[in-house]
Amino acid sequence: MERSLPIYSTNKSSVAVANEVVNALYPKYRKDPKKFLESLISKLAEANILVF
């Protein structure tokens, strides 16, 4: 299994890391909360992050 997100260290700026993760995982669709949640879970699944 290959990583889609890099490994971050504590030496890197937390703001920079947060911006990178948000850009990689945050879905574009935001109007309907249910659709937003579905698209967020899909984006997490693409990155091999499990949601229970």
PDB file of N, CA and C in Angstrom:
ATOM      1  N   MET A   1       0.851  -1.164   0.000  1.00  0.00           N
ATOM      2  CA  MET A   1       0.000   0.000   0.000  1.00  0.00           C
ATOM      3  C   MET A   1       0.907   1.242   0.000  1.00  0.00           C
ATOM      4  N   GLU A   2       0.627   2.156  -0.888  1.00  0.00           N
ATOM      5  CA  GLU A   2       1.434   3.355  -1.009  1.00  0.00           C
ATOM      6  C   GLU A   2       0.752   4.544  -0.332  1.00  0.00           C
ATOM      7  N   ARG A   3       1.531   5.370   0.332  1.00  0.00           N
ATOM      8  CA  ARG A   3       0.991   6.557   1.015  1.00  0.00           C
ATOM      9  C   ARG A   3       0.584   7.614   0.001  1.00  0.00           C
ATOM     10  N   SER A   4      -0.573   8.218   0.225  1.00  0.00           N
ATOM     11  CA  SER A   4      -0.973   9.341  -0.617  1.00  0.00           C
ATOM     12  C   SER A   4      -0.666  10.672   0.078  1.00  0.00           C
ATOM     13  N   LEU A   5      -0.465  10.619   1.380  1.00  0.00           N
ATOM     14  CA  LEU A   5      -0.071  11.798   2.150  1.00  0.00           C
ATOM     15  C   LEU A   5       1.342  11.584   2.671  1.00  0.00           C
ATOM     16  N   PRO A   6       2.141  12.638   2.684  1.00  0.00           N
ATOM     17  CA  PRO A   6       3.495  12.487   3.219  1.00  0.00           C
ATOM     18  C   PRO A   6       3.493  12.345   4.741  1.00  0.00           C
ATOM     19  N   ILE A   7       4.626  11.961   5.262  1.00  0.00           N
ATOM     20  CA  ILE A   7       4.806  11.892   6.712  1.00  0.00           C
ATOM     21  C   ILE A   7       5.332  13.254   7.160  1.00  0.00           C
ATOM     22  N   TYR A   8       4.711  13.821   8.149  1.00  0.00           N
ATOM     23  CA  TYR A   8       5.095  15.139   8.657  1.00  0.00           C
ATOM     24  C   TYR A   8       5.831  14.984   9.977  1.00  0.00           C
ATOM     25  N   SER A   9       6.753  15.895  10.237  1.00  0.00           N
ATOM     26  CA  SER A   9       7.470  15.890  11.511  1.00  0.00           C
ATOM     27  C   SER A   9       7.063  17.123  12.320  1.00  0.00           C
ATOM     28  N   THR A  10       7.448  17.117  13.565  1.00  0.00           N
ATOM     29  CA  THR A  10       7.114  18.244  14.437  1.00  0.00           C
ATOM     30  C   THR A  10       7.948  19.480  14.110  1.00  0.00           C
ATOM     31  N   ASN A  11       8.963  19.309  13.281  1.00  0.00           N
ATOM     32  CA  ASN A  11       9.792  20.458  12.893  1.00  0.00           C
ATOM     33  C   ASN A  11       9.089  21.352  11.873  1.00  0.00           C
ATOM     34  N   LYS A  12       8.104  20.803  11.164  1.00  0.00           N
ATOM     35  CA  LYS A  12       7.412  21.568  10.142  1.00  0.00           C
ATOM     36  C   LYS A  12       6.319  22.427  10.782  1.00  0.00           C
ATOM     37  N   SER A  13       6.046  23.546  10.176  1.00  0.00           N
ATOM     38  CA  SER A  13       5.028  24.467  10.683  1.00  0.00           C
ATOM     39  C   SER A  13       3.658  23.792  10.707  1.00  0.00           C
ATOM     40  N   SER A  14       2.966  23.890  11.829  1.00  0.00           N
ATOM     41  CA  SER A  14       1.645  23.263  11.947  1.00  0.00           C
ATOM     42  C   SER A  14       0.644  23.896  10.984  1.00  0.00           C
ATOM     43  N   VAL A  15       0.776  25.175  10.718  1.00  0.00           N
ATOM     44  CA  VAL A  15      -0.126  25.855   9.777  1.00  0.00           C
ATOM     45  C   VAL A  15       0.100  25.330   8.358  1.00  0.00           C
ATOM     46  N   ALA A  16       1.351  25.140   7.984  1.00  0.00           N
ATOM     47  CA  ALA A  16       1.667  24.626   6.648  1.00  0.00           C
ATOM     48  C   ALA A  16       1.144  23.198   6.480  1.00  0.00           C
ATOM     49  N   VAL A  17       1.325  22.374   7.511  1.00  0.00           N
ATOM     50  CA  VAL A  17       0.831  20.996   7.462  1.00  0.00           C
ATOM     51  C   VAL A  17      -0.695  20.984   7.359  1.00  0.00           C
ATOM     52  N   ALA A  18      -1.350  21.800   8.163  1.00  0.00           N
ATOM     53  CA  ALA A  18      -2.813  21.860   8.134  1.00  0.00           C
ATOM     54  C   ALA A  18      -3.311  22.285   6.758  1.00  0.00           C
ATOM     55  N   ASN A  19      -2.673  23.272   6.158  1.00  0.00           N
ATOM     56  CA  ASN A  19      -3.082  23.715   4.825  1.00  0.00           C
ATOM     57  C   ASN A  19      -2.895  22.627   3.781  1.00  0.00           C
ATOM     58  N   GLU A  20      -1.796  21.886   3.856  1.00  0.00           N
ATOM     59  CA  GLU A  20      -1.559  20.800   2.909  1.00  0.00           C
ATOM     60  C   GLU A  20      -2.597  19.692   3.066  1.00  0.00           C
ATOM     61  N   VAL A  21      -2.894  19.327   4.309  1.00  0.00           N
ATOM     62  CA  VAL A  21      -3.859  18.254   4.555  1.00  0.00           C
ATOM     63  C   VAL A  21      -5.263  18.690   4.136  1.00  0.00           C
ATOM     64  N   VAL A  22      -5.638  19.911   4.443  1.00  0.00           N
ATOM     65  CA  VAL A  22      -6.958  20.410   4.042  1.00  0.00           C
ATOM     66  C   VAL A  22      -7.078  20.422   2.525  1.00  0.00           C
ATOM     67  N   ASN A  23      -6.048  20.884   1.822  1.00  0.00           N
ATOM     68  CA  ASN A  23      -6.085  20.908   0.365  1.00  0.00           C
ATOM     69  C   ASN A  23      -6.173  19.502  -0.222  1.00  0.00           C
ATOM     70  N   ALA A  24      -5.558  18.537   0.437  1.00  0.00           N
ATOM     71  CA  ALA A  24      -5.558  17.169  -0.077  1.00  0.00           C
ATOM     72  C   ALA A  24      -6.854  16.417   0.238  1.00  0.00           C
ATOM     73  N   LEU A  25      -7.474  16.698   1.382  1.00  0.00           N
ATOM     74  CA  LEU A  25      -8.589  15.872   1.835  1.00  0.00           C
ATOM     75  C   LEU A  25      -9.950  16.564   1.866  1.00  0.00           C
ATOM     76  N   TYR A  26      -9.983  17.868   1.936  1.00  0.00           N
ATOM     77  CA  TYR A  26     -11.253  18.564   2.113  1.00  0.00           C
ATOM     78  C   TYR A  26     -12.026  18.594   0.797  1.00  0.00           C
ATOM     79  N   PRO A  27     -13.271  18.122   0.792  1.00  0.00           N
ATOM     80  CA  PRO A  27     -14.045  18.119  -0.450  1.00  0.00           C
ATOM     81  C   PRO A  27     -14.497  19.521  -0.846  1.00  0.00           C
ATOM     82  N   LYS A  28     -14.842  19.677  -2.113  1.00  0.00           N
ATOM     83  CA  LYS A  28     -15.258  20.982  -2.638  1.00  0.00           C
ATOM     84  C   LYS A  28     -16.731  21.275  -2.350  1.00  0.00           C
ATOM     85  N   TYR A  29     -17.545  20.257  -2.280  1.00  0.00           N
ATOM     86  CA  TYR A  29     -18.999  20.436  -2.139  1.00  0.00           C
ATOM     87  C   TYR A  29     -19.347  20.705  -0.686  1.00  0.00           C
ATOM     88  N   ARG A  30     -20.082  21.811  -0.395  1.00  0.00           N
ATOM     89  CA  ARG A  30     -20.326  22.178   1.007  1.00  0.00           C
ATOM     90  C   ARG A  30     -21.766  22.548   1.323  1.00  0.00           C
ATOM     91  N   LYS A  31     -22.677  22.610   0.374  1.00  0.00           N
ATOM     92  CA  LYS A  31     -24.024  23.133   0.653  1.00  0.00           C
ATOM     93  C   LYS A  31     -24.899  22.188   1.460  1.00  0.00           C
ATOM     94  N   ASP A  32     -25.012  20.964   1.039  1.00  0.00           N
ATOM     95  CA  ASP A  32     -25.851  19.984   1.726  1.00  0.00           C
ATOM     96  C   ASP A  32     -24.971  19.190   2.700  1.00  0.00           C
ATOM     97  N   PRO A  33     -25.267  19.249   4.008  1.00  0.00           N
ATOM     98  CA  PRO A  33     -24.408  18.563   4.987  1.00  0.00           C
ATOM     99  C   PRO A  33     -24.241  17.067   4.721  1.00  0.00           C
ATOM    100  N   LYS A  34     -25.293  16.409   4.289  1.00  0.00           N
ATOM    101  CA  LYS A  34     -25.200  14.968   4.022  1.00  0.00           C
ATOM    102  C   LYS A  34     -24.267  14.696   2.843  1.00  0.00           C
ATOM    103  N   LYS A  35     -24.403  15.455   1.781  1.00  0.00           N
ATOM    104  CA  LYS A  35     -23.538  15.289   0.610  1.00  0.00           C
ATOM    105  C   LYS A  35     -22.087  15.643   0.952  1.00  0.00           C
ATOM    106  N   PHE A  36     -21.924  16.669   1.788  1.00  0.00           N
ATOM    107  CA  PHE A  36     -20.584  17.053   2.214  1.00  0.00           C
ATOM    108  C   PHE A  36     -19.925  15.913   2.976  1.00  0.00           C
ATOM    109  N   LEU A  37     -20.655  15.305   3.906  1.00  0.00           N
ATOM    110  CA  LEU A  37     -20.108  14.202   4.692  1.00  0.00           C
ATOM    111  C   LEU A  37     -19.766  13.015   3.799  1.00  0.00           C
ATOM    112  N   GLU A  38     -20.630  12.718   2.847  1.00  0.00           N
ATOM    113  CA  GLU A  38     -20.360  11.618   1.921  1.00  0.00           C
ATOM    114  C   GLU A  38     -19.089  11.889   1.108  1.00  0.00           C
ATOM    115  N   SER A  39     -18.932  13.113   0.631  1.00  0.00           N
ATOM    116  CA  SER A  39     -17.750  13.423  -0.163  1.00  0.00           C
ATOM    117  C   SER A  39     -16.491  13.467   0.702  1.00  0.00           C
ATOM    118  N   LEU A  40     -16.616  13.892   1.959  1.00  0.00           N
ATOM    119  CA  LEU A  40     -15.475  13.878   2.871  1.00  0.00           C
ATOM    120  C   LEU A  40     -15.016  12.443   3.132  1.00  0.00           C
ATOM    121  N   ILE A  41     -15.956  11.556   3.384  1.00  0.00           N
ATOM    122  CA  ILE A  41     -15.617  10.149   3.616  1.00  0.00           C
ATOM    123  C   ILE A  41     -14.984   9.545   2.372  1.00  0.00           C
ATOM    124  N   SER A  42     -15.469   9.913   1.202  1.00  0.00           N
ATOM    125  CA  SER A  42     -14.884   9.418  -0.047  1.00  0.00           C
ATOM    126  C   SER A  42     -13.442   9.895  -0.206  1.00  0.00           C
ATOM    127  N   LYS A  43     -13.192  11.171   0.106  1.00  0.00           N
ATOM    128  CA  LYS A  43     -11.831  11.702   0.010  1.00  0.00           C
ATOM    129  C   LYS A  43     -10.896  11.002   1.004  1.00  0.00           C
ATOM    130  N   LEU A  44     -11.405  10.727   2.206  1.00  0.00           N
ATOM    131  CA  LEU A  44     -10.594  10.009   3.187  1.00  0.00           C
ATOM    132  C   LEU A  44     -10.311   8.587   2.716  1.00  0.00           C
ATOM    133  N   ALA A  45     -11.300   7.954   2.121  1.00  0.00           N
ATOM    134  CA  ALA A  45     -11.112   6.592   1.614  1.00  0.00           C
ATOM    135  C   ALA A  45     -10.070   6.558   0.498  1.00  0.00           C
ATOM    136  N   GLU A  46     -10.053   7.580  -0.353  1.00  0.00           N
ATOM    137  CA  GLU A  46      -9.042   7.653  -1.410  1.00  0.00           C
ATOM    138  C   GLU A  46      -7.644   7.700  -0.827  1.00  0.00           C
ATOM    139  N   ALA A  47      -7.508   8.265   0.356  1.00  0.00           N
ATOM    140  CA  ALA A  47      -6.216   8.362   1.036  1.00  0.00           C
ATOM    141  C   ALA A  47      -5.973   7.166   1.963  1.00  0.00           C
ATOM    142  N   ASN A  48      -6.811   6.131   1.853  1.00  0.00           N
ATOM    143  CA  ASN A  48      -6.720   4.921   2.678  1.00  0.00           C
ATOM    144  C   ASN A  48      -6.857   5.224   4.167  1.00  0.00           C
ATOM    145  N   ILE A  49      -7.748   6.148   4.486  1.00  0.00           N
ATOM    146  CA  ILE A  49      -8.070   6.473   5.881  1.00  0.00           C
ATOM    147  C   ILE A  49      -9.459   5.909   6.145  1.00  0.00           C
ATOM    148  N   LEU A  50      -9.561   4.990   7.091  1.00  0.00           N
ATOM    149  CA  LEU A  50     -10.827   4.341   7.381  1.00  0.00           C
ATOM    150  C   LEU A  50     -11.693   5.194   8.300  1.00  0.00           C
ATOM    151  N   VAL A  51     -12.996   5.220   8.025  1.00  0.00           N
ATOM    152  CA  VAL A  51     -13.952   5.950   8.846  1.00  0.00           C
ATOM    153  C   VAL A  51     -14.989   4.952   9.340  1.00  0.00           C
ATOM    154  N   PHE A  52     -15.197   4.912  10.640  1.00  0.00           N
ATOM    155  CA  PHE A  52     -16.182   3.991  11.222  1.00  0.00           C
ATOM    156  C   PHE A  52     -17.377   4.753  11.723  1.00  0.00           C
TER     157      PHE A  52
END
